């Protein structure tokens, strides 16, 4: 078994050598030998180890363009680098750690919140089968988290239980302020939750 990381536009871009799988648990890996990977700030400058930025890729592993989509291609490939829209950080040894998707992050009270971090913690709750968090407008904090929860079969869970579970595990500003139970999540063909549809459901009066 191998830990690899990639996307349709790049094929495999990162991998974890098997002998380092335990030592680097949580990492998505080092760049493959025939590609370059960086984590950059909004101006395209590499960030320092531990800082969060966008994962970008360059080399023969990347696509040439989207078919008949020139504007999307120009937005995605800039100065030769393919912008993945994945947020990540890199450690001192060059291992990359995925943090979240750029469109999923929200700012609450001036602090960046990465829902994937909180969702991962929620999946450790014995009553929760699946979870997704999106940012929703708030008059004081800008945005706060709204959790969608699919409980395990035959179980029920309340917002108070969710908050109690999270309060000693994540910072207070990362804890969702509201919640709703969902029977089934909308998903892509590859099984990923479609957060765009969840946001649309919230915004629809």
Protein backbone atom coordinates (compact mmCIF):
# COMPACT_ATOMS: atom_id res chain seq x y z
CA UNK A 1 0.00 0.00 0.00
CA UNK A 2 1.26 3.49 -0.89
CA UNK A 3 0.19 6.96 0.29
CA UNK A 4 -0.20 9.15 -2.80
CA UNK A 5 -1.83 12.49 -3.55
CA UNK A 6 -2.96 14.00 -6.83
CA UNK A 7 -5.86 15.19 -8.93
CA UNK A 8 -7.26 14.79 -12.42
CA UNK A 9 -5.25 17.75 -13.72
CA UNK A 10 -1.91 16.43 -12.47
CA UNK A 11 -2.06 12.68 -11.96
CA UNK A 12 0.07 11.73 -8.92
CA UNK A 13 2.00 14.72 -7.58
CA UNK A 14 3.05 13.64 -4.07
CA UNK A 15 3.90 10.37 -2.36
CA UNK A 16 5.13 9.09 1.00
CA UNK A 17 8.03 6.58 0.90
CA UNK A 18 6.79 3.39 2.63
CA UNK A 19 9.65 3.41 5.14
CA UNK A 20 8.55 6.87 6.35
CA UNK A 21 4.80 6.23 6.52
CA UNK A 22 4.69 6.04 10.32
CA UNK A 23 7.11 8.89 10.93
CA UNK A 24 5.22 11.16 8.54
CA UNK A 25 1.67 10.10 9.43
CA UNK A 26 -0.75 12.72 8.13
CA UNK A 27 1.52 13.91 5.32
CA UNK A 28 0.46 13.57 1.70
CA UNK A 29 4.08 13.30 0.70
CA UNK A 30 7.11 14.50 -1.20
CA UNK A 31 7.02 15.59 -4.86
CA UNK A 32 7.30 12.76 -7.37
CA UNK A 33 10.64 12.69 -9.20
CA UNK A 34 9.25 14.08 -12.47
CA UNK A 35 7.37 17.04 -10.98
CA UNK A 36 7.80 20.14 -8.84
CA UNK A 37 5.47 21.03 -5.99
CA UNK A 38 5.43 24.21 -3.90
CA UNK A 39 3.17 25.74 -1.26
CA UNK A 40 2.74 29.43 -2.06
CA UNK A 41 1.09 32.60 -0.76
CA UNK A 42 -1.50 34.62 -2.78
CA UNK A 43 1.36 36.37 -4.64
CA UNK A 44 2.88 33.05 -5.70
CA UNK A 45 5.82 33.18 -3.28
CA UNK A 46 6.81 29.98 -1.43
CA UNK A 47 5.70 30.08 2.20
CA UNK A 48 7.93 29.16 5.11
CA UNK A 49 7.71 25.69 6.70
CA UNK A 50 4.57 25.41 8.80
CA UNK A 51 2.73 28.24 7.06
CA UNK A 52 -0.41 27.52 5.06
CA UNK A 53 -0.65 28.32 1.37
CA UNK A 54 -1.89 26.92 -1.92
CA UNK A 55 -0.32 23.76 -3.35
CA UNK A 56 0.95 24.41 -6.90
CA UNK A 57 2.47 21.94 -9.35
CA UNK A 58 4.76 22.16 -12.38
CA UNK A 59 6.17 19.60 -14.79
CA UNK A 60 5.16 16.90 -17.28
CA UNK A 61 2.65 15.53 -14.75
CA UNK A 62 0.31 18.50 -15.28
CA UNK A 63 -2.36 18.89 -17.93
CA UNK A 64 -1.86 21.17 -20.94
CA UNK A 65 -5.31 22.76 -20.74
CA UNK A 66 -9.00 22.21 -20.10
CA UNK A 67 -10.77 21.16 -23.29
CA UNK A 68 -12.35 24.23 -24.92
CA UNK A 69 -12.13 26.21 -21.64
CA UNK A 70 -9.44 28.87 -22.23
CA UNK A 71 -10.45 31.18 -19.36
CA UNK A 72 -10.46 28.36 -16.81
CA UNK A 73 -7.08 27.21 -18.16
CA UNK A 74 -5.56 30.69 -17.75
CA UNK A 75 -6.90 30.90 -14.20
CA UNK A 76 -5.54 27.46 -13.28
CA UNK A 77 -2.13 27.55 -15.00
CA UNK A 78 -0.18 30.72 -14.21
CA UNK A 79 3.50 31.26 -15.00
CA UNK A 80 3.79 27.56 -15.73
CA UNK A 81 2.44 26.50 -12.33
CA UNK A 82 -0.85 24.62 -12.03
CA UNK A 83 -2.85 25.97 -9.09
CA UNK A 84 -4.61 23.06 -7.39
CA UNK A 85 -6.87 25.15 -5.11
CA UNK A 86 -5.78 22.82 -2.31
CA UNK A 87 -4.41 24.44 0.84
CA UNK A 88 -1.43 22.85 2.51
CA UNK A 89 1.74 23.35 4.49
CA UNK A 90 5.24 21.94 4.16
CA UNK A 91 7.59 20.81 6.93
CA UNK A 92 11.35 21.31 7.27
CA UNK A 93 12.02 18.11 5.32
CA UNK A 94 9.83 19.05 2.37
CA UNK A 95 6.85 16.84 3.19
CA UNK A 96 3.52 18.40 2.25
CA UNK A 97 0.41 18.21 4.44
CA UNK A 98 -3.02 18.90 2.91
CA UNK A 99 -5.17 21.24 4.99
CA UNK A 100 -8.38 21.95 3.06
CA UNK A 101 -9.85 23.23 -0.19
CA UNK A 102 -9.46 26.99 -0.76
CA UNK A 103 -13.18 27.50 -1.27
CA UNK A 104 -14.05 25.74 1.98
CA UNK A 105 -11.97 27.92 4.30
CA UNK A 106 -13.79 30.81 5.98
CA UNK A 107 -12.78 33.65 8.30
CA UNK A 108 -14.41 33.97 11.71
CA UNK A 109 -13.52 36.95 13.88
CA UNK A 110 -10.35 37.49 11.86
CA UNK A 111 -9.20 33.87 12.22
CA UNK A 112 -8.92 31.38 9.37
CA UNK A 113 -11.04 28.28 9.90
CA UNK A 114 -10.30 25.10 7.94
CA UNK A 115 -13.44 22.93 8.14
CA UNK A 116 -11.59 19.72 7.25
CA UNK A 117 -9.73 19.93 10.57
CA UNK A 118 -12.96 20.10 12.58
CA UNK A 119 -14.71 17.49 10.44
CA UNK A 120 -11.89 15.05 11.11
CA UNK A 121 -12.35 15.54 14.86
CA UNK A 122 -16.13 15.12 14.59
CA UNK A 123 -15.72 11.75 12.91
CA UNK A 124 -14.21 10.55 16.18
CA UNK A 125 -17.57 10.98 17.91
CA UNK A 126 -19.26 7.59 18.39
CA UNK A 127 -22.63 8.92 17.20
CA UNK A 128 -21.40 10.60 13.99
CA UNK A 129 -21.11 8.72 10.70
CA UNK A 130 -20.39 11.66 8.37
CA UNK A 131 -19.94 15.39 8.88
CA UNK A 132 -19.42 18.53 6.81
CA UNK A 133 -19.01 22.14 7.89
CA UNK A 134 -19.56 25.30 5.86
CA UNK A 135 -19.17 28.95 6.78
CA UNK A 136 -22.33 31.04 7.03
CA UNK A 137 -22.69 34.83 7.53
CA UNK A 138 -22.71 36.19 11.07
CA UNK A 139 -23.31 39.86 12.03
CA UNK A 140 -20.47 39.99 14.55
CA UNK A 141 -17.87 37.42 13.48
CA UNK A 142 -18.16 37.66 9.70
CA UNK A 143 -18.78 33.96 9.35
CA UNK A 144 -19.31 31.02 11.69
CA UNK A 145 -19.51 27.30 11.12
CA UNK A 146 -22.71 25.45 10.30
CA UNK A 147 -22.44 21.67 10.67
CA UNK A 148 -24.25 19.05 8.64
CA UNK A 149 -24.30 15.77 10.54
CA UNK A 150 -25.30 12.28 9.47
CA UNK A 151 -25.64 10.23 12.67
CA UNK A 152 -24.86 6.56 12.84
CA UNK A 153 -27.83 4.31 12.25
CA UNK A 154 -30.33 4.38 15.10
CA UNK A 155 -28.59 7.25 16.91
CA UNK A 156 -29.46 10.88 17.57
CA UNK A 157 -27.18 13.79 18.39
CA UNK A 158 -27.73 17.41 19.44
CA UNK A 159 -25.77 20.61 18.89
CA UNK A 160 -24.95 20.70 22.61
CA UNK A 161 -23.34 17.28 22.31
CA UNK A 162 -21.32 18.40 19.30
CA UNK A 163 -20.12 21.57 21.07
CA UNK A 164 -19.25 19.64 24.22
CA UNK A 165 -17.25 17.11 22.20
CA UNK A 166 -15.30 19.80 20.33
CA UNK A 167 -14.60 22.32 23.09
CA UNK A 168 -11.56 20.49 24.47
CA UNK A 169 -10.33 19.42 21.04
CA UNK A 170 -10.36 22.56 18.86
CA UNK A 171 -10.20 26.32 19.41
CA UNK A 172 -13.50 27.97 20.35
CA UNK A 173 -13.75 30.00 17.12
CA UNK A 174 -13.67 26.76 15.10
CA UNK A 175 -16.71 25.24 16.82
CA UNK A 176 -19.91 25.36 14.69
CA UNK A 177 -22.65 27.63 16.03
CA UNK A 178 -25.49 25.76 14.34
CA UNK A 179 -26.22 22.29 13.06
CA UNK A 180 -28.67 20.27 11.06
CA UNK A 181 -29.16 16.56 10.64
CA UNK A 182 -28.93 15.19 7.12
CA UNK A 183 -29.98 11.74 5.92
CA UNK A 184 -27.72 11.60 2.88
CA UNK A 185 -25.00 13.94 1.65
CA UNK A 186 -24.89 15.06 -1.99
CA UNK A 187 -21.71 13.55 -3.40
CA UNK A 188 -19.57 13.52 -6.51
CA UNK A 189 -18.98 10.39 -8.56
CA UNK A 190 -15.77 9.86 -6.57
CA UNK A 191 -17.64 10.01 -3.25
CA UNK A 192 -16.67 13.52 -2.12
CA UNK A 193 -19.30 15.63 -0.37
CA UNK A 194 -20.59 18.46 -2.56
CA UNK A 195 -20.28 21.41 -0.22
CA UNK A 196 -21.45 23.78 -2.95
CA UNK A 197 -24.86 22.12 -2.79
CA UNK A 198 -24.92 22.33 1.00
CA UNK A 199 -24.21 26.06 0.80
CA UNK A 200 -26.91 26.45 -1.82
CA UNK A 201 -29.43 24.74 0.47
CA UNK A 202 -28.60 27.19 3.28
CA UNK A 203 -28.83 30.24 1.02
CA UNK A 204 -32.16 29.19 -0.50
CA UNK A 205 -34.99 30.74 1.55
